[in-house]
Amino acid sequence: MHNPSIELQSAAAGVARVVRQICLLREQGDTPQAAQLQENELADAVRDLRLAHGPAVLPDTELQAMFAAEERRVAEAVILSELLIPRLVENWPAEPRPPRSGGLRSSPASAPVAVAPPAGPPAIPDLLDAMLAAERPGRRPPPATHRES
């Protein structure tokens, strides 16, 4: 089945995601990368959206409003992360905890390989990505990974 309304919503969500990435890059001080993303990926996404659904879709005023909303959301997420990170660091275990042993023991050859937890607290971009992903309806946030800052 072909549902133009769902396609339009999906395409608009893609544009919003790129706008959010641009705003996050700007907030992190990476204006050259933000400008490149805006000139390339965002321009392509808006062009494709308008070609597929008509030139009246997503007028420039609506795109500007989308930027303003995403800038606020990213700024609020950064402020929240600045408040939460010290508390997370306080509660983050200094040493990785050994895996809990079950009642069964396996031979070393068949022992599962455990993935090591991050060496330190998560980086701000990881926290922001997880927070923004959690806001998307119907999506689960990605597992936290540790990036070097």
Protein backbone atom coordinates (compact mmCIF):
# COMPACT_ATOMS: atom_id res chain seq x y z
CA MET A 1 0.00 0.00 0.00
CA HIS A 2 1.15 3.49 -0.84
CA ASN A 3 0.41 6.06 1.87
CA PRO A 4 1.66 9.55 0.96
CA SER A 5 0.90 10.87 4.45
CA ILE A 6 3.22 8.35 6.09
CA GLU A 7 5.90 8.98 3.45
CA LEU A 8 5.65 12.73 4.08
CA GLN A 9 5.91 12.24 7.85
CA SER A 10 8.92 9.97 7.40
CA ALA A 11 10.65 12.42 5.07
CA ALA A 12 9.90 15.34 7.42
CA ALA A 13 11.28 13.31 10.34
CA GLY A 14 14.46 12.76 8.32
CA VAL A 15 14.78 16.52 7.78
CA ALA A 16 14.20 17.13 11.50
CA ARG A 17 16.91 14.60 12.35
CA VAL A 18 19.42 16.41 10.12
CA VAL A 19 18.41 19.77 11.61
CA ARG A 20 18.98 18.31 15.10
CA GLN A 21 22.43 17.05 14.09
CA ILE A 22 23.30 20.50 12.74
CA CYS A 23 22.15 22.15 15.97
CA LEU A 24 24.14 19.67 18.06
CA LEU A 25 27.28 20.28 16.01
CA ARG A 26 26.82 24.04 16.43
CA GLU A 27 26.31 23.62 20.18
CA GLN A 28 29.53 21.62 20.35
CA GLY A 29 31.38 24.36 18.45
CA ASP A 30 31.84 22.39 15.24
CA THR A 31 30.41 25.06 12.94
CA PRO A 32 32.36 23.94 9.83
CA GLN A 33 30.88 20.42 10.06
CA ALA A 34 27.43 21.90 10.80
CA ALA A 35 27.68 24.16 7.74
CA GLN A 36 28.78 21.24 5.57
CA LEU A 37 25.87 19.13 6.79
CA GLN A 38 23.45 22.01 6.16
CA GLU A 39 24.77 22.69 2.66
CA ASN A 40 24.80 19.06 1.62
CA GLU A 41 22.61 16.62 3.51
CA LEU A 42 19.93 19.09 4.63
CA ALA A 43 19.72 20.79 1.24
CA ASP A 44 19.35 17.38 -0.44
CA ALA A 45 16.71 16.21 2.05
CA VAL A 46 14.63 19.39 1.67
CA ARG A 47 14.95 19.27 -2.13
CA ASP A 48 13.90 15.61 -2.23
CA LEU A 49 10.97 16.29 0.10
CA ARG A 50 9.74 19.17 -2.04
CA LEU A 51 10.22 17.25 -5.30
CA ALA A 52 8.27 14.28 -3.96
CA HIS A 53 5.47 16.17 -2.21
CA GLY A 54 5.29 19.55 -3.92
CA PRO A 55 7.13 22.85 -3.60
CA ALA A 56 4.74 24.12 -0.91
CA VAL A 57 5.83 21.39 1.52
CA LEU A 58 8.11 22.62 4.30
CA PRO A 59 8.27 26.32 3.44
CA ASP A 60 11.36 28.23 4.61
CA THR A 61 9.44 29.73 7.55
CA GLU A 62 8.59 26.22 8.78
CA LEU A 63 12.20 25.12 8.31
CA GLN A 64 13.35 28.14 10.34
CA ALA A 65 10.84 27.26 13.06
CA MET A 66 12.19 23.69 13.03
CA PHE A 67 15.72 25.05 13.55
CA ALA A 68 14.56 27.27 16.43
CA ALA A 69 12.79 24.34 18.13
CA GLU A 70 15.77 22.00 17.70
CA GLU A 71 18.22 24.65 18.93
CA ARG A 72 16.14 24.96 22.12
CA ARG A 73 15.93 21.18 22.55
CA VAL A 74 19.67 20.71 22.07
CA ALA A 75 20.50 23.60 24.43
CA GLU A 76 18.17 22.13 27.07
CA ALA A 77 19.73 18.70 26.60
CA VAL A 78 23.22 20.16 27.04
CA ILE A 79 22.17 21.98 30.22
CA LEU A 80 20.59 18.80 31.56
CA SER A 81 23.70 16.79 30.72
CA GLU A 82 25.87 19.35 32.52
CA LEU A 83 23.70 18.90 35.59
CA LEU A 84 23.55 15.11 35.38
CA ILE A 85 27.11 14.23 34.38
CA PRO A 86 28.66 15.10 37.77
CA ARG A 87 26.04 12.92 39.48
CA LEU A 88 26.59 10.07 37.02
CA VAL A 89 30.35 10.30 37.51
CA GLU A 90 29.86 10.18 41.29
CA ASN A 91 27.87 6.98 40.97
CA TRP A 92 29.87 5.39 38.15
CA PRO A 93 31.83 2.39 39.41
CA ALA A 94 35.57 3.11 39.48
CA GLU A 95 36.40 -0.49 38.62
CA PRO A 96 34.40 -2.69 36.27
CA ARG A 97 32.37 -5.13 38.29
CA PRO A 98 33.14 -8.78 37.70
CA PRO A 99 30.35 -10.64 35.94
CA ARG A 100 27.96 -12.38 38.29
CA SER A 101 28.59 -16.08 38.30
CA GLY A 102 25.65 -18.36 37.84
CA GLY A 103 25.28 -21.79 39.31
CA LEU A 104 26.80 -23.43 36.24
CA ARG A 105 30.46 -23.30 35.38
CA SER A 106 31.69 -23.71 31.87
CA SER A 107 35.06 -24.72 30.59
CA PRO A 108 37.36 -21.89 29.46
CA ALA A 109 37.04 -23.00 25.83
CA SER A 110 33.27 -22.54 25.86
CA ALA A 111 33.13 -19.48 28.13
CA PRO A 112 31.29 -16.57 26.53
CA VAL A 113 33.35 -13.51 25.78
CA ALA A 114 32.13 -10.55 27.84
CA VAL A 115 32.15 -7.08 26.36
CA ALA A 116 34.09 -4.75 28.63
CA PRO A 117 32.18 -1.77 30.01
CA PRO A 118 33.49 1.70 29.11
CA ALA A 119 36.62 2.76 30.95
CA GLY A 120 35.00 5.92 32.29
CA PRO A 121 31.78 7.89 32.28
CA PRO A 122 29.98 8.34 28.97
CA ALA A 123 30.91 11.36 26.87
CA ILE A 124 28.49 14.27 26.48
CA PRO A 125 27.70 13.45 22.81
CA ASP A 126 26.76 9.90 23.84
CA LEU A 127 24.41 11.19 26.53
CA LEU A 128 22.85 13.77 24.20
CA ASP A 129 22.35 11.19 21.45
CA ALA A 130 20.66 8.83 23.91
CA MET A 131 18.46 11.59 25.34
CA LEU A 132 17.37 12.81 21.91
CA ALA A 133 16.81 9.27 20.67
CA ALA A 134 14.63 8.55 23.69
CA GLU A 135 12.36 11.44 22.69
CA ARG A 136 11.56 9.88 19.31
CA PRO A 137 8.26 8.02 19.55
CA GLY A 138 8.39 4.28 18.96
CA ARG A 139 12.16 4.11 19.12
CA ARG A 140 14.41 2.70 21.76
CA PRO A 141 17.55 4.67 22.59
CA PRO A 142 20.75 3.17 21.25
CA PRO A 143 23.01 1.43 23.76
CA ALA A 144 25.43 3.84 25.36
CA THR A 145 28.89 3.70 23.90
CA HIS A 146 31.94 5.50 25.14
CA ARG A 147 33.65 8.05 22.91
CA GLU A 148 36.83 9.84 23.66
CA SER A 149 36.18 13.57 23.99
